[in-house]
């Protein structure tokens, strides 16, 4: 019905609607009261007036939805049966009713495990929610219809109508039916329990029976030293192993029989049919509330298993008390005060049992139980094997080790130390290196053939490894200069930006020491020239700035030809002639750099794998800061390089400088190539096999071929004096040199494959079939490789890295020795981590237009997920305003975030793989560090990418993974105080491949978290970290959360999208169509939101460093209502224009004035003694501090009031988290520290003794 075109009509019931509206007058707005008064005496009303009246009558009593929900909850059972029919009979006495043949529809009748009465979920439809969602599901309607039905069902729509829509006879009949069904269920249960007890009475101890033979011989379960448990018996009449399940009081309630044949094996199909048995295993009795109990250690963990063979295997291997569930784990009730270890089967990927177990663990954890999960294998097999398979394959000791690793995962963790102790140990380790290096001198005759010492130190980010190395380098250089030693020390770093920062650091250290030592940065020819005028112009992109070399085309030609760049492009001096120089020689930044003098040079990692520039001078020591192992690899990234196999058949010649063919050498090269082709002919696509390299080809003649290939190089006689045309013509004569160098690399790889002790399968050479220029398939030989550290750099070397793994640097420095591994405590860094989402690229990375068009559903899902992440980030960042917040995400995600709405002004963005070594986010004497750091997602390289890196590094092929992705294996999540959780995570079975995967994924997360310098924080400048990925980060985690705990509310979504929050759902849907396609969708979202709908409650959550303002407005038009909104003046500077643009013309608009701050006496300085009574201090974790909180004087002996505006999430030991809304009585404190503390108004910390929470607080 259109409200724009009123039609006169007669509505016989409209006076009743007026009466219904006036019965809820307290919920009516002034305009609604005025409207009802104007039509009360009329005989007729228009369609538009009737529609508005109907809307008022519908919404008025439901505006307090909590009251409506409470009324429905009071009659939940009646409502559920009316909507869904009678539940399954066997679930009536439980706290959860179920419907369907498999119980796929569940309704919570009694609160438990964080679930409230009225919550429901249906697995068939994949939906759930609260009690109004139940009505919507049962009636297949929207929220508005559900509210109207609920009010009608409760009798709220007719004044004076008693809330009893069903007659007494019907209710009595239903009650009688329920009693009859309950009685029948109890009688049936009694019969089943009686049968179980009879079978138990007929059984005998298992010792000496065929059942014991089955357990020991067929199942490999060791016999107990004493006797078998009383719950493990033998039932001779049915020739079965009998397991007895008892209640906590010891009453027999169920049994399970495993039917056996005469040879002590499970019966086969033929005997099963002959004996007319229903299954190999049969359960009798009532298994709910009963388990098979295997006695063991009465303190410590309790093991739980689903099958008797699995349970007996872990019990016999460990001696721990064990429970065997005769059915699903979900039926277990965890023991009070003891950890429960779930000994799970290795089910297939995405098996329903996995999802059921995750839900059960979540419920138990919310209930305060400690739950651990043990798997049979270190790396998941996903083959439905179990711990009995493990005991048969590896023995009881292996099973015991698997259980112990789950119970005590902390034993694999390195012990962390206070930062002061770490710095002292670091100082010793660096000092030791310089002492060892001092005793080694390559100029000494006896040391000439010795490998120089190489020390590696792994030390946490922020511990000061770089500064320590520079301090000792300055000391060493001073001693060298005093002794007349002119050699230099070289530092190697990943980027020029970091090199510039370190040069300033060393020069400041030298100045502090009163020495004249200087440091310079060595830049490559294609790097921007820092001395040019455009270097300091931020408007010019780096790729457009003037480069160190002004003639890069000549340099490229020289490199392509494989000749010396300095001679061919820069300056060439021939005997008896004047030098010929590049026309840019005088102004060239690279040549100025060659003429510069320094005591310490800082170079990029790449330079270590090239010839050392002679201008650097002789190197005494090399210090490598940050990881460098990937910089020496070739062909491991991007499109693989290689040659066509047919290129080896070409009649290439070896010529003299005069162009005369050397026939003997040429014929020998052709012969060796033919032998290689013979070996390649018999191989399929894939890495080259050592065993296929037959005939005369061996390591020696492969080396001979390598030398012959290099002799084919043609010297194009390039020099700086050539014109551009001459240079191109001469370079064209040597255009085959690049191919010659590639073929020479192939022979180097063949040499490595055929050397003594070489790999069985090459990691550097692989055959493939690819289309050629004509589209025909041709065989190609792909090449990867590893460059060695060149001779000029082979000096005493110190490797410093926060993610140091000597396995990855040993191929470059075989003599490397790990001399220290130093991990620091960070007591003032608080890490939260989600544990149920990876937030991978496939979940949130935006797609380009072509991809989105090809896969619109996936593009839509990713965009929705990224919008959710954006809202979470905005909300979290605003909580710390005006403190700086660093957000690090994947590069494309970072670039897409501003498109979903303006980020808060206190946010700084960076992306993965672009933060290592950067120090602008840590605290410094002249500036504060970031207040919080949020990591979004992780860098997860594909197995193929990891394989290419591992093969290039080691030279041996890595076997492809059977499933196409990583396996799941044992991992630990480090917690506070040296504790850890045993978890599963992605793992690669190959040691080197796993080390590389870890470096790229977990190692990068460690680098990101280290940017905040958590080890350097104090009580005055703590750091909060939110890790939005489930990868186990290698740093202590204080708090683990589910991704749904961060779910944005409608308020969060609106504030993130536009900097404004609208209370009216219809207005919200109109203003934010990308969030809600209709006003019904918006109403539904508002109703489901658990946050209050008033603006004032959210003022300080959404303030962006200032204070959010409330506005009142009304749209133009006769039917418009008064509405409210909340806006952030920084993000939404002109809310009036914003509202008019989104909703249309405004009748009026008013910004509500700010409330004046209360006049309080200035607070006293904090005392070292507690100012509260000890019993009044609760233990919990503070999530945020609003900008206007007040710490008052405490006068009440029983409670203390701390007036705080906003929402708090309070955590208490052993209790589920609780959200505290507007909180004049809310408390905040900190859990996880040795001494709880409270922030004071001055920003200092009031130290308090560690106390137990006082249960009388109102939270």
Foldseek 3Di string as FASTA:
>chain_A
DDLVDWDKDADPCLLQLLVLLVVLVVQDDPLRVVLSVVCNPPRIDIPNSSVVSVVSSLCRVCVVVVVLQVVCLVVVVVVCCVLPNDFDLVCPPDQWTAHDPVRQKIAGCPDALNDHHQWIAGPVVGDIAGNLVVQCVSVVHFSSVSSNVSCVCQVSSGPPDHRDPDDPVVVVVVVVVSVVSNVVVVVVLVVLQVVQVVQLVQWAFAPPALQVCLLCPVLVQDADPPGFDSQWTARVVQGWTKGFWAAPVRRTFKIKTQGADPNSYQDDPVVCVVVVHPDRMDMTGDQQRIWRKGDADPDAEEEEEADPSQQSLLCSLARHIYTYRPDAPLSDDGDPPYEYEYQDFLAAPPDPSVVVVVVSVSSVVQLQHHYWYFYCDQFRPNPRHGVSVSCVVPNSPSSNVRVVCQRFVLVVDDDAAALVVLLVVLLVLLVVLVVQLVPADCVDPVRVPPFFAEEEEAAAFQSCNLLSNLLVQLVVLVVCVVVVNQAAAEEAEADVVLVVVSQVSSVVSCVVVVHPAGEDEQDDQAFAQCPDPCNPPPVDDRNPHHGLANCVVQQVLCVLLPHDSCFQAAWNDDPPDDIDGAPCNVVRNNNVVLPDDGRYYYYYLLCQLDDDPCSNPAHSEYEYEADNLLSQKFQLDDDFDFFFLCVLQDQQFQADLVGHTPVVLSVLLNVQSVLVVQLVVPDDFWFRFLVSSDDPDALVVLVVNLVSLLSNRHDLPHGNVDDPVSSVVSSVVRSCSNVSVRVSQVSVLVNQCRDVVHARTFLFWTWDWDQDPVGDTGIIITGMAGRERDDSNSGHYYYYHNLDDVVSCCLRPVNYDHDYYHHHDQQQEAEEEAAPAQLACQQAQADDPVVCVVPVVSNLRNPVRLLQVLLLQQLLQLLPPPFAEEEEEAPRSQVCSCVQAHHFPRYDYYYFPPQFSDAQQECDPVDHHGQEYEYRHWQQDFLSSLQSSLSRRPGHGDDQDPVRGFTKRWDWAAAPPSGIRIDIDGAHPDPSSRSVRCCRTQVRVSSRVSNHSSSPDDLLRGYYYYYYRNPRHSHHHHYYDHPVVSGDAQQSSCCSRQQKFWLQLQLSCQQCVVVPVHSSRSVVRNVSDPADSDPQLCFQSSESNDTKWKKWWWADDDPIDITIMIGHCVRHVDVQVSSCVRPNHTPDMDIDDDDDDDDDDDDDPADLADQADQQADAEWAWSGAGPDWADDRADDNQAGFTQDRYWTWTDHNSHRIDIDTRGRRDDHWRPDDCWIWDQHNVSHTHTYHDGHHNVPGDD
